[in-house]
Protein backbone atom coordinates (compact mmCIF):
# COMPACT_ATOMS: atom_id res chain seq x y z
CA MET A 1 6.28 -194.51 -20.10
CA ALA A 2 6.22 -198.17 -19.12
CA THR A 3 3.58 -200.52 -17.76
CA ILE A 4 4.89 -202.44 -14.76
CA ALA A 5 3.28 -205.30 -12.85
CA ILE A 6 4.28 -205.93 -9.23
CA ALA A 7 3.62 -209.33 -7.65
CA GLY A 8 2.84 -208.99 -3.97
CA GLY A 9 1.38 -205.59 -4.71
CA HIS A 10 0.17 -204.89 -1.16
CA GLY A 11 3.57 -205.35 0.48
CA LYS A 12 5.33 -202.37 2.03
CA ILE A 13 8.04 -202.13 -0.62
CA ALA A 14 5.52 -202.77 -3.39
CA LEU A 15 3.25 -199.93 -2.30
CA LEU A 16 6.19 -197.54 -2.00
CA LEU A 17 7.40 -198.63 -5.43
CA SER A 18 3.91 -198.16 -6.88
CA ARG A 19 3.81 -194.60 -5.61
CA THR A 20 7.31 -193.87 -6.92
CA LEU A 21 6.59 -195.31 -10.37
CA SER A 22 3.13 -193.81 -10.75
CA SER A 23 4.45 -190.39 -9.70
CA ALA A 24 6.95 -190.69 -12.56
CA GLY A 25 4.12 -191.32 -15.01
CA HIS A 26 4.29 -195.10 -15.29
CA ASP A 27 1.25 -197.40 -15.44
CA VAL A 28 1.45 -199.67 -12.38
CA ARG A 29 -0.51 -202.86 -11.77
CA GLY A 30 -0.27 -204.68 -8.45
CA ILE A 31 -0.97 -208.41 -8.27
CA ILE A 32 -2.91 -209.20 -5.08
CA ARG A 33 -5.08 -212.07 -3.91
CA ASN A 34 -7.32 -210.10 -1.55
CA PRO A 35 -9.75 -207.80 -3.40
CA ASP A 36 -10.21 -205.74 -0.22
CA GLN A 37 -6.70 -204.36 -0.82
CA ARG A 38 -7.59 -202.67 -4.09
CA SER A 39 -8.28 -199.32 -2.43
CA ASP A 40 -4.81 -199.32 -0.84
CA LEU A 41 -3.21 -199.91 -4.22
CA ALA A 42 -5.32 -197.18 -5.80
CA ALA A 43 -4.19 -194.76 -3.10
CA HIS A 44 -0.60 -195.47 -4.18
CA GLY A 45 -1.34 -195.04 -7.88
CA ALA A 46 -1.70 -198.68 -8.90
CA LEU A 47 -4.44 -200.67 -10.58
CA SER A 48 -5.14 -204.15 -9.21
CA ILE A 49 -4.84 -207.62 -10.70
CA VAL A 50 -6.67 -209.93 -8.29
CA LEU A 51 -5.08 -213.35 -8.61
CA ASP A 52 -3.73 -215.89 -6.12
CA LEU A 53 -0.22 -216.81 -7.22
CA GLU A 54 -0.35 -219.98 -5.12
CA SER A 55 -3.32 -221.40 -7.01
CA THR A 56 -3.03 -220.11 -10.57
CA ASP A 57 -0.91 -221.24 -13.51
CA ALA A 58 1.51 -219.48 -15.83
CA GLU A 59 -0.93 -219.34 -18.72
CA THR A 60 -3.63 -217.62 -16.65
CA LEU A 61 -1.14 -215.17 -15.18
CA ALA A 62 0.28 -214.46 -18.65
CA THR A 63 -3.10 -213.21 -19.83
CA GLU A 64 -3.03 -210.64 -17.01
CA LEU A 65 0.40 -209.46 -18.18
CA ASP A 66 -0.81 -208.45 -21.62
CA GLY A 67 0.70 -205.06 -22.46
CA VAL A 68 3.14 -205.14 -19.52
CA ASP A 69 6.73 -204.01 -20.13
CA ALA A 70 8.34 -205.25 -16.90
CA VAL A 71 7.50 -207.31 -13.82
CA VAL A 72 8.73 -207.05 -10.25
CA PHE A 73 8.50 -209.88 -7.75
CA ALA A 74 7.91 -208.33 -4.33
CA ALA A 75 5.79 -211.10 -2.82
CA GLY A 76 6.62 -213.12 0.26
CA ALA A 77 4.92 -215.51 2.63
CA GLY A 78 5.67 -213.08 5.44
CA PRO A 79 6.51 -213.41 9.14
CA GLY A 80 4.83 -216.26 10.96
CA SER A 81 4.21 -218.30 7.82
CA THR A 82 5.04 -221.98 7.54
CA SER A 83 7.91 -223.62 5.72
CA ASP A 84 5.47 -224.86 3.11
CA ARG A 85 4.38 -221.32 2.26
CA LYS A 86 7.98 -220.16 2.03
CA LEU A 87 8.24 -222.66 -0.80
CA THR A 88 4.92 -221.93 -2.51
CA VAL A 89 5.29 -218.14 -2.36
CA ASP A 90 8.96 -217.17 -2.06
CA ARG A 91 10.14 -219.87 -4.46
CA ASP A 92 7.32 -221.16 -6.65
CA ALA A 93 5.46 -217.89 -7.20
CA ALA A 94 8.68 -216.13 -8.19
CA VAL A 95 9.39 -218.72 -10.88
CA LEU A 96 5.73 -218.75 -11.92
CA LEU A 97 5.88 -215.00 -12.54
CA GLY A 98 8.95 -215.54 -14.68
CA ARG A 99 7.31 -218.27 -16.73
CA ALA A 100 4.21 -216.12 -17.20
CA ALA A 101 6.37 -213.18 -18.25
CA VAL A 102 8.04 -215.32 -20.90
CA ALA A 103 4.65 -216.51 -22.16
CA ALA A 104 3.40 -212.91 -22.32
CA GLY A 105 6.49 -211.66 -24.12
CA VAL A 106 7.75 -209.62 -21.14
CA ARG A 107 11.53 -209.73 -20.87
CA ARG A 108 12.33 -207.40 -17.97
CA TYR A 109 12.13 -209.01 -14.52
CA VAL A 110 13.31 -207.59 -11.19
CA LEU A 111 13.39 -210.11 -8.33
CA ILE A 112 13.52 -208.92 -4.73
CA SER A 113 15.48 -211.65 -2.97
CA SER A 114 17.26 -211.68 0.41
CA ILE A 115 20.69 -211.26 1.89
CA GLY A 116 22.26 -214.45 3.19
CA VAL A 117 21.14 -216.74 0.37
CA SER A 118 24.58 -217.38 -1.11
CA SER A 119 26.14 -219.04 1.94
CA PRO A 120 24.98 -221.76 4.36
CA PRO A 121 22.83 -220.41 7.22
CA PRO A 122 24.71 -219.98 10.51
CA GLU A 123 24.57 -222.74 13.09
CA GLY A 124 21.38 -222.52 15.11
CA THR A 125 19.31 -220.85 12.37
CA ASP A 126 15.60 -221.40 12.86
CA ASP A 127 14.29 -224.19 10.59
CA VAL A 128 11.63 -222.01 8.97
CA PHE A 129 14.12 -219.23 8.27
CA ARG A 130 16.49 -221.79 6.80
CA VAL A 131 13.74 -222.88 4.39
CA TYR A 132 13.07 -219.22 3.58
CA LEU A 133 16.69 -218.67 2.54
CA GLU A 134 16.68 -221.88 0.53
CA ALA A 135 13.44 -220.81 -1.16
CA LYS A 136 14.89 -217.41 -2.09
CA LYS A 137 18.01 -219.03 -3.54
CA ALA A 138 15.91 -221.51 -5.51
CA ALA A 139 13.84 -218.60 -6.84
CA GLU A 140 16.99 -216.84 -7.99
CA ASP A 141 18.23 -219.98 -9.71
CA GLY A 142 14.85 -220.64 -11.32
CA VAL A 143 14.52 -217.14 -12.71
CA LYS A 144 18.07 -217.20 -14.05
CA GLU A 145 17.21 -220.24 -16.15
CA LEU A 146 14.45 -218.39 -18.00
CA PRO A 147 14.96 -216.24 -21.14
CA LEU A 148 14.50 -212.98 -19.25
CA ASP A 149 16.43 -209.76 -18.73
CA TRP A 150 16.50 -210.34 -14.99
CA THR A 151 18.07 -208.33 -12.22
CA ILE A 152 18.17 -209.60 -8.64
CA ILE A 153 18.27 -207.21 -5.70
CA ARG A 154 19.05 -208.48 -2.20
CA PRO A 155 18.01 -205.77 0.27
CA GLY A 156 19.63 -205.61 3.70
CA GLU A 157 17.72 -205.51 6.97
CA LEU A 158 14.66 -203.45 6.14
CA THR A 159 13.68 -200.40 8.16
CA ASP A 160 10.92 -197.81 8.01
CA ASP A 161 13.42 -194.96 8.31
CA GLU A 162 13.13 -191.91 6.11
CA PRO A 163 14.84 -192.37 2.73
CA THR A 164 18.24 -190.84 2.13
CA GLY A 165 18.44 -191.31 -1.63
CA THR A 166 21.98 -192.60 -1.16
CA VAL A 167 22.95 -196.26 -0.95
CA THR A 168 25.65 -198.89 -1.08
CA LEU A 169 25.13 -201.40 -3.91
CA THR A 170 27.57 -204.29 -3.99
CA PRO A 171 27.81 -207.71 -5.66
CA GLU A 172 28.86 -209.14 -2.28
CA ASP A 173 26.24 -210.87 -0.13
CA THR A 174 26.80 -208.77 2.95
CA ARG A 175 24.73 -207.31 5.77
CA GLY A 176 23.49 -203.92 6.89
CA PRO A 177 20.26 -201.90 7.08
CA ILE A 178 18.36 -200.05 4.38
CA SER A 179 15.04 -198.25 4.40
CA ARG A 180 12.18 -199.74 2.41
CA THR A 181 11.73 -196.44 0.61
CA ASP A 182 15.35 -196.45 -0.53
CA VAL A 183 14.84 -199.99 -1.85
CA ALA A 184 11.83 -198.76 -3.82
CA ILE A 185 13.89 -195.86 -5.20
CA VAL A 186 16.61 -198.28 -6.35
CA ILE A 187 14.10 -200.56 -8.06
CA ALA A 188 12.38 -197.66 -9.78
CA ALA A 189 15.75 -196.49 -11.09
CA LEU A 190 16.56 -200.04 -12.23
CA LEU A 191 13.40 -200.15 -14.29
CA GLU A 192 14.49 -197.05 -16.19
CA ARG A 193 17.66 -198.82 -17.38
CA ASP A 194 18.47 -201.67 -19.74
CA ASP A 195 22.14 -202.14 -18.87
CA LEU A 196 21.83 -204.17 -15.66
CA ALA A 197 20.31 -207.39 -16.97
CA GLY A 198 22.03 -210.44 -15.48
CA VAL A 199 23.25 -208.55 -12.40
CA THR A 200 22.74 -209.61 -8.76
CA PHE A 201 23.54 -207.17 -5.99
CA THR A 202 22.99 -206.32 -2.33
CA ALA A 203 21.38 -202.99 -1.43
CA LEU A 204 22.32 -201.28 1.84
CA SER A 205 22.24 -197.78 3.26
CA GLY A 206 25.24 -195.77 2.12
CA SER A 207 26.56 -192.50 0.81
CA THR A 208 26.44 -192.97 -2.98
CA GLU A 209 23.73 -191.47 -5.16
CA VAL A 210 21.49 -194.22 -6.56
CA GLU A 211 22.33 -193.66 -10.23
CA ASP A 212 26.06 -193.56 -9.51
CA ALA A 213 25.79 -196.76 -7.47
CA LEU A 214 23.92 -198.46 -10.31
CA ASP A 215 26.47 -197.23 -12.85
CA ALA A 216 29.21 -198.98 -10.86
CA LEU A 217 27.37 -202.32 -11.23
CA VAL A 218 27.15 -202.26 -15.02
CA PRO A 219 29.01 -205.30 -16.38
């Protein structure tokens, strides 16, 4: 079984992913900056790494990744945050995790990005949301430049609906809903495979079993 570190470990997808991975026997470590959240992570089967990704450096983070087999970037500045934090969290922290992974000898990296990053935002897009999309795209580009076995997942509009276990996974940057639990199921399945490095895809609700949908993305 693998040891997996999740940046943004207290996020909704991260907690669902922690539960999914730990239930499968994996060792899960969630990176959080608020120590009060440790009990929530423990309830979902994850140990805690308490570290602020906005104020640390790659070398310090790398020491916390000792023994880790794969990392997942699930962090985000969140609703209501400023443009500056979109850059320091959604962009800079994602690349920082990649640099730390390289320093720690961790090759597998799954980046949770966003739909809409591959085309200019529509006219009238809110300035902060525009920066968010730019930050996500810059994170993708930054991670791609590192010597990592990266996979980028762009979830659709996230819902708290019950999971279906079936999805649509497509290389196209398109729109549609998907439950957070189904996103976690897809990521957990990704981490069990080594044939999807270098692949970017959108994840939406659909009618295809997860493993079959992933098989169709193999280069």
